[in-house]
C-alpha atoms as a PDB file:
ATOM      1  CA  MET A   1     108.647  85.351 109.804  1.00  0.00           C
ATOM      2  CA  ILE A   2     108.290  87.886 106.980  1.00  0.00           C
ATOM      3  CA  ALA A   3     111.803  87.149 105.736  1.00  0.00           C
ATOM      4  CA  LYS A   4     111.008  83.436 105.744  1.00  0.00           C
ATOM      5  CA  PHE A   5     107.775  83.992 103.780  1.00  0.00           C
ATOM      6  CA  SER A   6     109.428  86.348 101.293  1.00  0.00           C
ATOM      7  CA  SER A   7     111.995  83.675 100.455  1.00  0.00           C
ATOM      8  CA  VAL A   8     109.305  81.133  99.501  1.00  0.00           C
ATOM      9  CA  PHE A   9     106.893  83.662  97.957  1.00  0.00           C
ATOM     10  CA  PRO A  10     108.315  83.396  94.397  1.00  0.00           C
ATOM     11  CA  GLN A  11     108.066  79.603  94.532  1.00  0.00           C
ATOM     12  CA  LEU A  12     104.448  79.739  95.743  1.00  0.00           C
ATOM     13  CA  LEU A  13     103.557  82.216  93.017  1.00  0.00           C
ATOM     14  CA  LYS A  14     105.281  80.137  90.344  1.00  0.00           C
ATOM     15  CA  SER A  15     103.552  76.949  91.467  1.00  0.00           C
ATOM     16  CA  GLY A  16     100.113  78.537  91.213  1.00  0.00           C
ATOM     17  CA  TRP A  17      99.322  77.717  94.842  1.00  0.00           C
ATOM     18  CA  LEU A  18      99.330  81.366  95.915  1.00  0.00           C
ATOM     19  CA  ARG A  19      97.227  82.462  92.943  1.00  0.00           C
ATOM     20  CA  LEU A  20      94.673  79.762  93.777  1.00  0.00           C
ATOM     21  CA  ARG A  21      94.601  80.844  97.428  1.00  0.00           C
ATOM     22  CA  CYS A  22      94.125  84.495  96.425  1.00  0.00           C
ATOM     23  CA  HIS A  23      91.343  83.492  94.024  1.00  0.00           C
ATOM     24  CA  LEU A  24      89.606  81.543  96.782  1.00  0.00           C
ATOM     25  CA  TRP A  25      90.066  84.422  99.236  1.00  0.00           C
ATOM     26  CA  HIS A  26      88.516  86.986  96.884  1.00  0.00           C
ATOM     27  CA  ASN A  27      85.633  84.734  95.850  1.00  0.00           C
ATOM     28  CA  CYS A  28      84.873  83.208  99.210  1.00  0.00           C
ATOM     29  CA  PRO A  29      81.264  83.940 100.219  1.00  0.00           C
ATOM     30  CA  MET A  30      82.539  85.156 103.585  1.00  0.00           C
ATOM     31  CA  THR A  31      84.886  87.805 102.174  1.00  0.00           C
ATOM     32  CA  TYR A  32      84.073  91.183 100.709  1.00  0.00           C
ATOM     33  CA  ARG A  33      86.188  94.076  99.486  1.00  0.00           C
ATOM     34  CA  CYS A  34      85.044  97.334  97.960  1.00  0.00           C
ATOM     35  CA  THR A  35      86.792 100.632  97.330  1.00  0.00           C
ATOM     36  CA  ALA A  36      84.197 103.225  96.358  1.00  0.00           C
ATOM     37  CA  ILE A  37      83.419 106.908  96.088  1.00  0.00           C
ATOM     38  CA  PHE A  38      79.947 108.309  96.722  1.00  0.00           C
ATOM     39  CA  ALA A  39      78.420 111.736  96.117  1.00  0.00           C
ATOM     40  CA  LYS A  40      75.069 113.447  96.064  1.00  0.00           C
ATOM     41  CA  GLY A  41      75.386 114.234  92.374  1.00  0.00           C
ATOM     42  CA  ASP A  42      74.171 113.279  88.925  1.00  0.00           C
ATOM     43  CA  ALA A  43      75.236 111.512  85.734  1.00  0.00           C
ATOM     44  CA  THR A  44      77.717 114.311  84.955  1.00  0.00           C
ATOM     45  CA  ILE A  45      79.873 113.045  87.810  1.00  0.00           C
ATOM     46  CA  LEU A  46      79.572 109.436  86.591  1.00  0.00           C
ATOM     47  CA  GLU A  47      80.732 110.446  83.102  1.00  0.00           C
ATOM     48  CA  ALA A  48      83.715 112.321  84.515  1.00  0.00           C
ATOM     49  CA  ALA A  49      84.591 109.367  86.772  1.00  0.00           C
ATOM     50  CA  ARG A  50      84.488 106.968  83.811  1.00  0.00           C
ATOM     51  CA  ARG A  51      86.883 109.208  81.908  1.00  0.00           C
ATOM     52  CA  LYS A  52      89.220 109.635  84.892  1.00  0.00           C
ATOM     53  CA  TRP A  53      89.267 106.019  86.134  1.00  0.00           C
ATOM     54  CA  LYS A  54      88.767 103.866  83.036  1.00  0.00           C
ATOM     55  CA  GLY A  55      86.976 100.631  83.848  1.00  0.00           C
ATOM     56  CA  CYS A  56      85.542 101.743  87.182  1.00  0.00           C
ATOM     57  CA  LEU A  57      82.109 100.394  88.094  1.00  0.00           C
ATOM     58  CA  THR A  58      79.494 103.143  88.214  1.00  0.00           C
ATOM     59  CA  ARG A  59      75.830 103.500  89.033  1.00  0.00           C
ATOM     60  CA  SER A  60      73.145 105.902  90.097  1.00  0.00           C
ATOM     61  CA  ILE A  61      71.970 105.464  93.672  1.00  0.00           C
ATOM     62  CA  ASP A  62      68.381 105.937  94.845  1.00  0.00           C
ATOM     63  CA  LYS A  63      68.634 104.469  98.318  1.00  0.00           C
ATOM     64  CA  PRO A  64      69.814 105.310 101.017  1.00  0.00           C
ATOM     65  CA  PHE A  65      70.551 108.668  99.339  1.00  0.00           C
ATOM     66  CA  GLN A  66      70.008 110.239  95.926  1.00  0.00           C
ATOM     67  CA  GLY A  67      73.304 110.374  94.096  1.00  0.00           C
ATOM     68  CA  VAL A  68      76.046 108.356  92.437  1.00  0.00           C
ATOM     69  CA  GLY A  69      78.687 105.813  93.302  1.00  0.00           C
ATOM     70  CA  PHE A  70      81.734 104.449  91.558  1.00  0.00           C
ATOM     71  CA  ALA A  71      84.079 101.670  92.572  1.00  0.00           C
ATOM     72  CA  ASP A  72      87.304 100.111  91.389  1.00  0.00           C
ATOM     73  CA  PRO A  73      86.772  97.358  88.761  1.00  0.00           C
ATOM     74  CA  GLY A  74      87.734  94.531  91.118  1.00  0.00           C
ATOM     75  CA  ALA A  75      85.468  95.684  93.922  1.00  0.00           C
ATOM     76  CA  ASP A  76      82.339  94.014  95.092  1.00  0.00           C
ATOM     77  CA  ARG A  77      82.968  90.598  93.558  1.00  0.00           C
ATOM     78  CA  CYS A  78      79.970  88.443  94.144  1.00  0.00           C
ATOM     79  CA  TYR A  79      80.203  86.177  91.143  1.00  0.00           C
ATOM     80  CA  PRO A  80      82.950  83.654  90.448  1.00  0.00           C
ATOM     81  CA  LEU A  81      84.881  86.157  88.381  1.00  0.00           C
ATOM     82  CA  VAL A  82      88.416  85.132  87.610  1.00  0.00           C
ATOM     83  CA  PHE A  83      91.007  87.812  87.046  1.00  0.00           C
ATOM     84  CA  ASN A  84      94.571  87.178  86.008  1.00  0.00           C
ATOM     85  CA  SER A  85      97.386  88.756  87.976  1.00  0.00           C
ATOM     86  CA  ALA A  86      97.753  91.641  85.488  1.00  0.00           C
ATOM     87  CA  GLN A  87      94.077  92.500  85.961  1.00  0.00           C
ATOM     88  CA  GLU A  88      94.430  92.255  89.737  1.00  0.00           C
ATOM     89  CA  ILE A  89      97.332  94.713  89.598  1.00  0.00           C
ATOM     90  CA  GLU A  90      95.381  97.057  87.313  1.00  0.00           C
ATOM     91  CA  HIS A  91      92.370  97.002  89.659  1.00  0.00           C
ATOM     92  CA  SER A  92      94.604  97.757  92.643  1.00  0.00           C
ATOM     93  CA  LEU A  93      96.232 100.649  90.789  1.00  0.00           C
ATOM     94  CA  ILE A  94      92.830 102.130  89.919  1.00  0.00           C
ATOM     95  CA  ALA A  95      91.720 101.844  93.571  1.00  0.00           C
ATOM     96  CA  LYS A  96      94.950 103.535  94.688  1.00  0.00           C
ATOM     97  CA  SER A  97      94.519 106.249  92.053  1.00  0.00           C
ATOM     98  CA  MET A  98      90.939 106.890  93.185  1.00  0.00           C
ATOM     99  CA  LYS A  99      92.131 107.371  96.758  1.00  0.00           C
ATOM    100  CA  GLU A 100      95.108 109.567  95.927  1.00  0.00           C
ATOM    101  CA  GLU A 101      93.597 111.672  93.143  1.00  0.00           C
ATOM    102  CA  LEU A 102      90.093 112.292  94.508  1.00  0.00           C
ATOM    103  CA  PRO A 103      90.941 115.512  96.392  1.00  0.00           C
ATOM    104  CA  VAL A 104      92.310 117.246  93.270  1.00  0.00           C
ATOM    105  CA  TRP A 105      89.605 115.745  91.020  1.00  0.00           C
ATOM    106  CA  SER A 106      86.901 117.032  93.384  1.00  0.00           C
ATOM    107  CA  GLU A 107      87.843 120.593  92.425  1.00  0.00           C
ATOM    108  CA  LYS A 108      85.955 120.056  89.145  1.00  0.00           C
ATOM    109  CA  PHE A 109      82.749 119.788  91.190  1.00  0.00           C
ATOM    110  CA  SER A 110      83.234 122.506  93.787  1.00  0.00           C
ATOM    111  CA  ASN A 111      79.704 122.245  95.231  1.00  0.00           C
ATOM    112  CA  THR A 112      79.823 118.471  95.746  1.00  0.00           C
ATOM    113  CA  VAL A 113      81.070 116.524  98.753  1.00  0.00           C
ATOM    114  CA  PHE A 114      82.708 113.208  97.812  1.00  0.00           C
ATOM    115  CA  VAL A 115      83.037 110.355 100.287  1.00  0.00           C
ATOM    116  CA  PHE A 116      85.782 107.767  99.713  1.00  0.00           C
ATOM    117  CA  ILE A 117      85.318 104.493 101.621  1.00  0.00           C
ATOM    118  CA  GLU A 118      87.320 101.265 101.699  1.00  0.00           C
ATOM    119  CA  ALA A 119      85.257  98.364 103.024  1.00  0.00           C
ATOM    120  CA  ARG A 120      86.732  94.987 103.977  1.00  0.00           C
ATOM    121  CA  SER A 121      84.842  92.110 105.546  1.00  0.00           C
ATOM    122  CA  PHE A 122      85.811  88.613 106.496  1.00  0.00           C
ATOM    123  CA  GLY A 123      83.776  86.142 108.490  1.00  0.00           C
ATOM    124  CA  GLY A 124      81.129  88.699 109.386  1.00  0.00           C
ATOM    125  CA  VAL A 125      83.584  91.281 110.733  1.00  0.00           C
ATOM    126  CA  SER A 126      83.671  94.485 108.694  1.00  0.00           C
ATOM    127  CA  GLU A 127      86.211  97.289 108.725  1.00  0.00           C
ATOM    128  CA  TYR A 128      85.797 100.685 107.089  1.00  0.00           C
ATOM    129  CA  GLU A 129      88.056 103.634 106.541  1.00  0.00           C
ATOM    130  CA  GLY A 130      87.950 106.693 104.350  1.00  0.00           C
ATOM    131  CA  PHE A 131      87.581 110.421 104.043  1.00  0.00           C
ATOM    132  CA  ALA A 132      85.245 113.144 102.822  1.00  0.00           C
ATOM    133  CA  VAL A 133      86.498 115.833 100.467  1.00  0.00           C
ATOM    134  CA  ASN A 134      85.072 118.986  98.902  1.00  0.00           C
ATOM    135  CA  ASN A 135      86.709 121.239  96.328  1.00  0.00           C
ATOM    136  CA  GLY A 136      90.179 119.828  97.031  1.00  0.00           C
ATOM    137  CA  HIS A 137      89.905 120.083 100.818  1.00  0.00           C
ATOM    138  CA  THR A 138      89.751 117.065 103.086  1.00  0.00           C
ATOM    139  CA  LEU A 139      86.820 117.519 105.457  1.00  0.00           C
ATOM    140  CA  CYS A 140      87.482 114.471 107.635  1.00  0.00           C
ATOM    141  CA  LYS A 141      89.258 111.114 107.853  1.00  0.00           C
ATOM    142  CA  HIS A 142      87.825 108.148 109.725  1.00  0.00           C
ATOM    143  CA  SER A 143      88.845 104.573 110.436  1.00  0.00           C
ATOM    144  CA  GLY A 144      87.876 102.010 113.020  1.00  0.00           C
ATOM    145  CA  GLU A 145      84.670 101.904 114.992  1.00  0.00           C
ATOM    146  CA  ASP A 146      81.938 104.261 113.726  1.00  0.00           C
ATOM    147  CA  ALA A 147      83.965 105.157 110.616  1.00  0.00           C
ATOM    148  CA  LEU A 148      81.181 104.116 108.235  1.00  0.00           C
ATOM    149  CA  LYS A 149      78.546 105.953 110.274  1.00  0.00           C
ATOM    150  CA  ASN A 150      80.644 109.142 110.351  1.00  0.00           C
ATOM    151  CA  LEU A 151      81.522 109.017 106.651  1.00  0.00           C
ATOM    152  CA  VAL A 152      78.009 108.396 105.278  1.00  0.00           C
ATOM    153  CA  ALA A 153      76.717 111.264 107.422  1.00  0.00           C
ATOM    154  CA  TYR A 154      78.267 113.511 104.736  1.00  0.00           C
ATOM    155  CA  LEU A 155      75.709 111.980 102.341  1.00  0.00           C
ATOM    156  CA  ASP A 156      72.905 112.787 104.800  1.00  0.00           C
ATOM    157  CA  VAL A 157      72.594 109.098 105.676  1.00  0.00           C
ATOM    158  CA  THR A 158      72.000 108.125 109.287  1.00  0.00           C
ATOM    159  CA  LEU A 159      73.018 104.598 110.262  1.00  0.00           C
ATOM    160  CA  GLU A 160      71.722 103.066 113.461  1.00  0.00           C
ATOM    161  CA  GLU A 161      73.825 100.627 115.505  1.00  0.00           C
ATOM    162  CA  GLY A 162      74.456  97.480 113.433  1.00  0.00           C
ATOM    163  CA  GLN A 163      72.724  98.870 110.332  1.00  0.00           C
ATOM    164  CA  SER A 164      74.443  98.321 106.985  1.00  0.00           C
ATOM    165  CA  PHE A 165      75.002 100.759 104.125  1.00  0.00           C
ATOM    166  CA  GLU A 166      73.181  99.318 101.101  1.00  0.00           C
ATOM    167  CA  PRO A 167      75.889 100.160  98.518  1.00  0.00           C
ATOM    168  CA  PHE A 168      78.163  97.769 100.442  1.00  0.00           C
ATOM    169  CA  THR A 169      75.799  94.881  99.819  1.00  0.00           C
ATOM    170  CA  ARG A 170      77.531  92.088  97.923  1.00  0.00           C
ATOM    171  CA  GLY A 171      76.904  92.560  94.198  1.00  0.00           C
ATOM    172  CA  TYR A 172      75.615  96.131  94.428  1.00  0.00           C
ATOM    173  CA  PHE A 173      77.897  97.511  91.716  1.00  0.00           C
ATOM    174  CA  HIS A 174      77.279  94.503  89.451  1.00  0.00           C
ATOM    175  CA  ILE A 175      73.492  94.767  89.648  1.00  0.00           C
ATOM    176  CA  CYS A 176      71.629  97.405  87.633  1.00  0.00           C
ATOM    177  CA  ARG A 177      74.675  98.219  85.535  1.00  0.00           C
ATOM    178  CA  ASP A 178      72.821 100.430  83.053  1.00  0.00           C
ATOM    179  CA  ASP A 179      75.105 103.332  83.993  1.00  0.00           C
ATOM    180  CA  ARG A 180      78.246 101.392  83.016  1.00  0.00           C
ATOM    181  CA  ARG A 181      79.756 102.000  79.619  1.00  0.00           C
ATOM    182  CA  PRO A 182      83.020 100.639  78.275  1.00  0.00           C
END
């Protein structure tokens, strides 16, 4: 099946059909994707994140914990934003860089625990995976059931059964963008 799809993939891409389907997938009100890093820290961390991952979405967080969060530029789309394929690739590369480079980058803030979380939802079903890191050392990795609950515990957040994590509310990184600078 994969071989069959890969043979028609270039034609679908060229025709625009695949790009339209991807655009609808990402902007569908029932889908959500966010790759983000959270920490109980201050604006110093946000500034460093902006320098490291140019274009990332950043903001201070007051609830459910006091700290900061930053996400890849394509995360958290809640508006009918249209990105071209080059931008989509750039956003994916930044998300990948955040995941791969966070452990080494965390050494700059040796007293801070960083929590990396990838959130994906479709049709009301959400999946989370990620890790916590401090001073270059991975403290834990979680995926599957209870992953979100276990990861946000490193931020001193307690989630009850079925409770959501406010920073994964659609539009969270696009609202209150006073921390974002070009």
